[in-house]
N, C-alpha and C. Protein backbone atom coordinates (compact mmCIF):
# COMPACT_ATOMS: atom_id res chain seq x y z
N MET A 1 90.76 42.16 21.27
CA MET A 1 90.15 43.40 21.67
C MET A 1 88.66 43.18 21.92
N GLU A 2 88.16 43.69 23.04
CA GLU A 2 86.77 43.48 23.41
C GLU A 2 85.87 44.50 22.72
N SER A 3 84.66 44.07 22.45
CA SER A 3 83.67 44.94 21.83
C SER A 3 83.03 45.82 22.90
N LYS A 4 82.80 47.07 22.59
CA LYS A 4 82.20 48.02 23.53
C LYS A 4 80.72 48.26 23.23
N VAL A 5 80.10 47.35 22.48
CA VAL A 5 78.70 47.50 22.12
C VAL A 5 77.83 47.13 23.32
N ILE A 6 76.93 48.03 23.67
CA ILE A 6 76.01 47.79 24.78
C ILE A 6 74.62 47.58 24.18
N THR A 7 74.01 46.45 24.47
CA THR A 7 72.67 46.18 23.95
C THR A 7 71.64 46.66 24.96
N SER A 8 70.54 47.14 24.44
CA SER A 8 69.49 47.68 25.29
C SER A 8 68.44 46.61 25.57
N PRO A 9 67.91 46.56 26.79
CA PRO A 9 66.86 45.58 27.10
C PRO A 9 65.49 46.01 26.57
N ILE A 10 65.41 47.15 25.90
CA ILE A 10 64.15 47.69 25.43
C ILE A 10 63.97 47.37 23.96
N ASP A 11 62.75 47.01 23.59
CA ASP A 11 62.43 46.80 22.19
C ASP A 11 62.13 48.18 21.59
N MET A 12 63.13 48.79 20.98
CA MET A 12 63.00 50.16 20.48
C MET A 12 61.99 50.23 19.34
N LYS A 13 61.93 49.21 18.51
CA LYS A 13 60.99 49.22 17.38
C LYS A 13 59.54 49.22 17.88
N ALA A 14 59.29 48.53 18.97
CA ALA A 14 57.93 48.50 19.53
C ALA A 14 57.54 49.87 20.07
N ARG A 15 58.49 50.57 20.68
CA ARG A 15 58.18 51.91 21.21
C ARG A 15 57.93 52.91 20.08
N VAL A 16 58.68 52.76 18.97
CA VAL A 16 58.46 53.65 17.82
C VAL A 16 57.11 53.32 17.19
N ALA A 17 56.80 52.03 17.08
CA ALA A 17 55.54 51.60 16.46
C ALA A 17 54.33 52.01 17.29
N LEU A 18 54.54 52.32 18.55
CA LEU A 18 53.45 52.76 19.42
C LEU A 18 52.81 54.04 18.89
N GLY A 19 53.61 54.90 18.28
CA GLY A 19 53.08 56.12 17.69
C GLY A 19 52.54 57.10 18.71
N LEU A 20 53.29 57.33 19.76
CA LEU A 20 52.89 58.23 20.83
C LEU A 20 52.86 59.66 20.31
N ARG A 21 51.73 60.38 20.53
CA ARG A 21 51.57 61.75 20.05
C ARG A 21 51.02 62.64 21.15
N SER A 22 51.11 63.94 20.93
CA SER A 22 50.48 64.89 21.85
C SER A 22 48.97 64.71 21.79
N GLY A 23 48.33 64.82 22.94
CA GLY A 23 46.89 64.66 22.99
C GLY A 23 46.45 63.26 23.38
N ASP A 24 47.36 62.30 23.36
CA ASP A 24 47.02 60.94 23.77
C ASP A 24 46.89 60.87 25.28
N THR A 25 45.95 60.08 25.75
CA THR A 25 45.87 59.78 27.18
C THR A 25 46.56 58.44 27.36
N VAL A 26 47.59 58.41 28.21
CA VAL A 26 48.41 57.21 28.35
C VAL A 26 48.48 56.75 29.80
N ARG A 27 48.86 55.49 29.95
CA ARG A 27 49.16 54.92 31.26
C ARG A 27 50.58 54.39 31.16
N VAL A 28 51.49 54.97 31.94
CA VAL A 28 52.90 54.58 31.92
C VAL A 28 53.17 53.72 33.15
N TRP A 29 53.62 52.49 32.94
CA TRP A 29 53.97 51.58 34.03
C TRP A 29 55.46 51.68 34.27
N GLN A 30 55.82 52.10 35.47
CA GLN A 30 57.22 52.34 35.81
C GLN A 30 57.66 51.38 36.91
N LYS A 31 58.88 50.87 36.79
CA LYS A 31 59.42 49.97 37.81
C LYS A 31 59.97 50.81 38.95
N ILE A 32 59.51 50.52 40.17
CA ILE A 32 59.96 51.22 41.37
C ILE A 32 60.65 50.20 42.26
N LYS A 33 61.86 50.51 42.69
CA LYS A 33 62.59 49.59 43.56
C LYS A 33 62.56 50.14 44.98
N GLU A 34 61.97 49.35 45.89
CA GLU A 34 61.89 49.73 47.30
C GLU A 34 62.61 48.66 48.10
N GLY A 35 63.81 48.95 48.51
CA GLY A 35 64.60 47.97 49.25
C GLY A 35 64.96 46.80 48.35
N GLU A 36 64.50 45.62 48.71
CA GLU A 36 64.76 44.41 47.92
C GLU A 36 63.66 44.17 46.88
N LYS A 37 62.50 44.79 47.07
CA LYS A 37 61.36 44.53 46.20
C LYS A 37 61.33 45.47 45.01
N THR A 38 60.79 44.98 43.91
CA THR A 38 60.54 45.80 42.74
C THR A 38 59.06 45.70 42.43
N ARG A 39 58.40 46.85 42.28
CA ARG A 39 56.98 46.84 41.97
C ARG A 39 56.71 47.77 40.80
N LEU A 40 55.51 47.68 40.25
CA LEU A 40 55.12 48.53 39.13
C LEU A 40 54.16 49.60 39.63
N GLN A 41 54.37 50.82 39.16
CA GLN A 41 53.52 51.95 39.53
C GLN A 41 53.04 52.60 38.24
N SER A 42 51.76 52.93 38.17
CA SER A 42 51.24 53.54 36.95
C SER A 42 51.11 55.05 37.12
N PHE A 43 51.24 55.75 36.01
CA PHE A 43 51.05 57.19 35.97
C PHE A 43 50.16 57.45 34.76
N ASP A 44 48.91 57.85 34.99
CA ASP A 44 47.96 58.10 33.92
C ASP A 44 47.89 59.59 33.66
N GLY A 45 47.80 59.97 32.40
CA GLY A 45 47.66 61.38 32.12
C GLY A 45 47.67 61.69 30.64
N LEU A 46 47.66 62.97 30.34
CA LEU A 46 47.63 63.49 28.98
C LEU A 46 49.04 63.80 28.52
N VAL A 47 49.38 63.38 27.31
CA VAL A 47 50.70 63.68 26.75
C VAL A 47 50.67 65.13 26.26
N LEU A 48 51.48 65.99 26.91
CA LEU A 48 51.54 67.39 26.52
C LEU A 48 52.51 67.61 25.37
N ALA A 49 53.64 66.91 25.40
CA ALA A 49 54.68 67.15 24.40
C ALA A 49 55.48 65.89 24.15
N ARG A 50 56.02 65.83 22.97
CA ARG A 50 56.95 64.76 22.60
C ARG A 50 58.15 65.47 22.01
N LYS A 51 59.35 65.17 22.54
CA LYS A 51 60.55 65.89 22.10
C LYS A 51 61.59 64.93 21.55
N HIS A 52 62.38 65.40 20.64
CA HIS A 52 63.54 64.72 20.05
C HIS A 52 63.17 63.51 19.21
N GLY A 53 61.98 63.47 18.66
CA GLY A 53 61.61 62.45 17.69
C GLY A 53 61.79 61.02 18.17
N ASP A 54 62.52 60.22 17.35
CA ASP A 54 62.73 58.81 17.67
C ASP A 54 64.17 58.53 18.06
N GLU A 55 64.96 59.56 18.28
CA GLU A 55 66.37 59.34 18.64
C GLU A 55 66.48 58.77 20.06
N PRO A 56 67.63 58.29 20.46
CA PRO A 56 67.78 57.66 21.78
C PRO A 56 67.44 58.58 22.96
N GLY A 57 67.55 59.88 22.80
CA GLY A 57 67.25 60.80 23.89
C GLY A 57 65.82 61.32 23.87
N ALA A 58 64.91 60.66 23.17
CA ALA A 58 63.53 61.13 23.04
C ALA A 58 62.81 61.09 24.39
N THR A 59 61.99 62.12 24.63
CA THR A 59 61.22 62.20 25.87
C THR A 59 59.77 62.57 25.56
N PHE A 60 58.90 62.31 26.52
CA PHE A 60 57.52 62.77 26.41
C PHE A 60 57.05 63.23 27.79
N THR A 61 56.22 64.27 27.80
CA THR A 61 55.73 64.88 29.04
C THR A 61 54.27 64.47 29.25
N VAL A 62 53.97 63.98 30.45
CA VAL A 62 52.62 63.53 30.79
C VAL A 62 52.12 64.38 31.96
N ARG A 63 50.86 64.82 31.88
CA ARG A 63 50.26 65.66 32.93
C ARG A 63 48.97 65.03 33.42
N LYS A 64 48.80 65.05 34.75
CA LYS A 64 47.54 64.64 35.35
C LYS A 64 47.24 65.58 36.50
N VAL A 65 45.98 65.61 36.93
CA VAL A 65 45.56 66.46 38.03
C VAL A 65 45.15 65.56 39.19
N VAL A 66 45.79 65.76 40.34
CA VAL A 66 45.50 64.97 41.54
C VAL A 66 45.05 65.93 42.63
N ASP A 67 43.83 65.76 43.11
CA ASP A 67 43.28 66.61 44.17
C ASP A 67 43.39 68.09 43.85
N GLY A 68 43.15 68.46 42.59
CA GLY A 68 43.20 69.85 42.19
C GLY A 68 44.58 70.40 41.94
N VAL A 69 45.61 69.56 42.02
CA VAL A 69 46.98 70.00 41.78
C VAL A 69 47.50 69.29 40.54
N GLY A 70 48.03 70.05 39.59
CA GLY A 70 48.58 69.47 38.38
C GLY A 70 49.94 68.86 38.62
N VAL A 71 50.14 67.64 38.13
CA VAL A 71 51.42 66.94 38.27
C VAL A 71 51.91 66.59 36.88
N GLU A 72 53.15 66.97 36.57
CA GLU A 72 53.74 66.65 35.27
C GLU A 72 55.00 65.84 35.47
N ARG A 73 55.21 64.86 34.60
CA ARG A 73 56.43 64.07 34.63
C ARG A 73 56.97 63.96 33.22
N VAL A 74 58.27 64.00 33.11
CA VAL A 74 58.94 63.83 31.83
C VAL A 74 59.58 62.45 31.84
N PHE A 75 59.17 61.61 30.89
CA PHE A 75 59.69 60.25 30.80
C PHE A 75 60.59 60.12 29.58
N PRO A 76 61.75 59.48 29.72
CA PRO A 76 62.53 59.12 28.54
C PRO A 76 61.80 57.99 27.81
N LEU A 77 61.68 58.08 26.51
CA LEU A 77 60.92 57.10 25.74
C LEU A 77 61.54 55.71 25.81
N TYR A 78 62.86 55.63 25.81
CA TYR A 78 63.54 54.34 25.77
C TYR A 78 64.16 53.96 27.11
N SER A 79 63.61 54.42 28.20
CA SER A 79 64.16 54.13 29.51
C SER A 79 63.86 52.68 29.91
N PRO A 80 64.85 51.97 30.46
CA PRO A 80 64.59 50.61 30.93
C PRO A 80 63.73 50.58 32.19
N VAL A 81 63.57 51.73 32.85
CA VAL A 81 62.72 51.81 34.04
C VAL A 81 61.24 51.72 33.66
N ILE A 82 60.90 52.15 32.45
CA ILE A 82 59.51 52.08 31.98
C ILE A 82 59.24 50.66 31.49
N ASP A 83 58.27 50.02 32.13
CA ASP A 83 57.94 48.64 31.78
C ASP A 83 57.02 48.60 30.56
N GLU A 84 56.01 49.47 30.56
CA GLU A 84 55.03 49.44 29.49
C GLU A 84 54.38 50.81 29.34
N ILE A 85 54.00 51.14 28.11
CA ILE A 85 53.25 52.37 27.84
C ILE A 85 51.95 51.95 27.16
N GLU A 86 50.83 52.23 27.80
CA GLU A 86 49.52 51.90 27.23
C GLU A 86 48.87 53.18 26.74
N ILE A 87 48.32 53.15 25.54
CA ILE A 87 47.54 54.28 25.05
C ILE A 87 46.09 54.02 25.41
N VAL A 88 45.56 54.81 26.32
CA VAL A 88 44.19 54.64 26.80
C VAL A 88 43.22 55.24 25.80
N ARG A 89 43.53 56.44 25.30
CA ARG A 89 42.65 57.12 24.36
C ARG A 89 43.46 58.01 23.44
N ARG A 90 43.05 58.08 22.21
CA ARG A 90 43.69 58.98 21.25
C ARG A 90 42.77 60.17 21.03
N SER A 91 43.35 61.36 20.95
CA SER A 91 42.59 62.57 20.69
C SER A 91 43.22 63.31 19.53
N LYS A 92 42.39 63.95 18.75
CA LYS A 92 42.90 64.73 17.63
C LYS A 92 43.16 66.14 18.13
N VAL A 93 44.41 66.58 18.05
CA VAL A 93 44.77 67.93 18.46
C VAL A 93 45.44 68.62 17.29
N ARG A 94 45.45 69.93 17.31
CA ARG A 94 46.02 70.70 16.21
C ARG A 94 47.32 71.38 16.59
N ARG A 95 47.90 70.97 17.71
CA ARG A 95 49.18 71.52 18.17
C ARG A 95 50.09 70.37 18.53
N SER A 96 51.40 70.59 18.41
CA SER A 96 52.34 69.55 18.81
C SER A 96 52.72 69.66 20.27
N LYS A 97 52.60 70.85 20.84
CA LYS A 97 52.88 71.07 22.26
C LYS A 97 51.62 71.64 22.89
N LEU A 98 51.11 70.98 23.91
CA LEU A 98 49.85 71.37 24.53
C LEU A 98 50.07 72.08 25.86
N TYR A 99 51.03 72.98 25.91
CA TYR A 99 51.35 73.66 27.16
C TYR A 99 50.23 74.59 27.62
N PHE A 100 49.35 74.99 26.71
CA PHE A 100 48.25 75.88 27.09
C PHE A 100 47.26 75.19 28.03
N VAL A 101 47.30 73.87 28.11
CA VAL A 101 46.39 73.13 28.99
C VAL A 101 46.66 73.48 30.45
N ARG A 102 47.89 73.84 30.78
CA ARG A 102 48.23 74.19 32.16
C ARG A 102 47.39 75.36 32.65
N GLU A 103 47.34 76.44 31.88
CA GLU A 103 46.58 77.62 32.28
C GLU A 103 45.09 77.36 32.20
N LYS A 104 44.67 76.60 31.22
CA LYS A 104 43.25 76.30 31.06
C LYS A 104 42.73 75.57 32.29
N ALA A 105 43.48 74.62 32.76
CA ALA A 105 43.06 73.86 33.94
C ALA A 105 43.00 74.77 35.16
N ALA A 106 43.97 75.65 35.31
CA ALA A 106 44.00 76.55 36.46
C ALA A 106 42.80 77.49 36.43
N LYS A 107 42.43 77.98 35.25
CA LYS A 107 41.28 78.86 35.14
C LYS A 107 40.00 78.13 35.50
N GLU A 108 39.89 76.87 35.07
CA GLU A 108 38.70 76.08 35.40
C GLU A 108 38.58 75.92 36.92
N ILE A 109 39.68 75.64 37.58
CA ILE A 109 39.67 75.45 39.03
C ILE A 109 39.31 76.75 39.72
N ARG A 110 39.89 77.87 39.26
CA ARG A 110 39.57 79.16 39.87
C ARG A 110 38.10 79.50 39.70
N ARG A 111 37.54 79.19 38.53
CA ARG A 111 36.13 79.47 38.29
C ARG A 111 35.25 78.64 39.23
N GLN A 112 35.62 77.38 39.43
CA GLN A 112 34.86 76.54 40.35
C GLN A 112 34.96 77.07 41.77
N MET A 113 36.14 77.54 42.15
CA MET A 113 36.31 78.09 43.50
C MET A 113 35.45 79.34 43.67
N ARG A 114 35.39 80.18 42.64
CA ARG A 114 34.61 81.40 42.71
C ARG A 114 33.13 81.07 42.89
N THR A 115 32.62 80.09 42.13
CA THR A 115 31.21 79.74 42.25
C THR A 115 30.93 79.09 43.61
N ALA A 116 31.87 78.32 44.13
CA ALA A 116 31.68 77.70 45.44
C ALA A 116 31.64 78.76 46.53
N ARG A 117 32.49 79.80 46.40
CA ARG A 117 32.52 80.87 47.38
C ARG A 117 31.22 81.66 47.35
N SER A 118 30.69 81.92 46.16
CA SER A 118 29.48 82.73 46.06
C SER A 118 28.25 81.97 46.54
N GLN A 119 28.29 80.64 46.52
CA GLN A 119 27.15 79.86 46.96
C GLN A 119 27.07 79.74 48.47
N LYS A 120 28.18 79.95 49.16
CA LYS A 120 28.17 79.88 50.61
C LYS A 120 27.36 81.06 51.17
N THR A 121 26.53 80.78 52.16
CA THR A 121 25.78 81.86 52.79
C THR A 121 26.52 82.27 54.05
N VAL A 122 26.49 83.54 54.31
CA VAL A 122 27.16 84.06 55.49
C VAL A 122 26.18 83.96 56.65
N GLU A 123 26.57 83.21 57.65
CA GLU A 123 25.70 83.03 58.80
C GLU A 123 26.03 84.08 59.85
N THR A 124 24.98 84.73 60.33
CA THR A 124 25.18 85.72 61.40
C THR A 124 24.75 85.08 62.70
N PRO A 125 25.46 85.35 63.77
CA PRO A 125 25.06 84.75 65.05
C PRO A 125 23.70 85.31 65.47
N GLU A 126 22.84 84.39 65.90
CA GLU A 126 21.50 84.81 66.29
C GLU A 126 21.56 85.47 67.66
N GLU A 127 20.75 86.51 67.79
CA GLU A 127 20.70 87.22 69.07
C GLU A 127 19.75 86.48 70.01
N ALA A 128 20.01 86.61 71.27
CA ALA A 128 19.14 85.98 72.26
C ALA A 128 17.77 86.66 72.21
N PRO A 129 16.70 85.87 72.36
CA PRO A 129 15.38 86.48 72.30
C PRO A 129 15.18 87.46 73.47
N VAL A 130 14.53 88.54 73.16
CA VAL A 130 14.29 89.58 74.16
C VAL A 130 13.03 89.22 74.93
N VAL A 131 13.16 89.19 76.23
CA VAL A 131 12.02 88.85 77.08
C VAL A 131 11.51 90.16 77.69
N GLU A 132 10.26 90.46 77.45
CA GLU A 132 9.68 91.66 78.01
C GLU A 132 8.80 91.27 79.20
N VAL A 133 9.01 91.94 80.27
CA VAL A 133 8.23 91.66 81.47
C VAL A 133 7.22 92.80 81.63
N ALA A 134 5.96 92.44 81.72
CA ALA A 134 4.91 93.45 81.89
C ALA A 134 4.79 93.79 83.37
N GLN A 135 4.70 95.09 83.65
CA GLN A 135 4.57 95.50 85.05
C GLN A 135 3.09 95.64 85.38
N ALA A 136 2.74 95.18 86.54
CA ALA A 136 1.34 95.22 86.94
C ALA A 136 1.01 96.46 87.73
């Protein structure tokens, strides 16, 4: 009788030892397959949430802002597609889920837009100069 045990190519102990938490700024290197080639693509951002602890289905949500648009991705912690997870910076936060950052960022952008709009001056088209002809 054959064994049905499937071994994972991921070092699960190393991922647990990483100690990924909410508030960390991370760089996730993901393997992307394009045709015959495989390349690595990074996704840098803030960890908003970590779900399901250390079990096999554990995930973490990363958010970054690109050109004023917020982008969020949910990564499985033990996915073989993820090549490496680098912790760029650790931050002390008092919440386990940082979903409030979404609205905070939007408010900051709106405030900047408002100040940019108020700084613009309204240009009025100049009138042609009036030429007065004196009669002799």
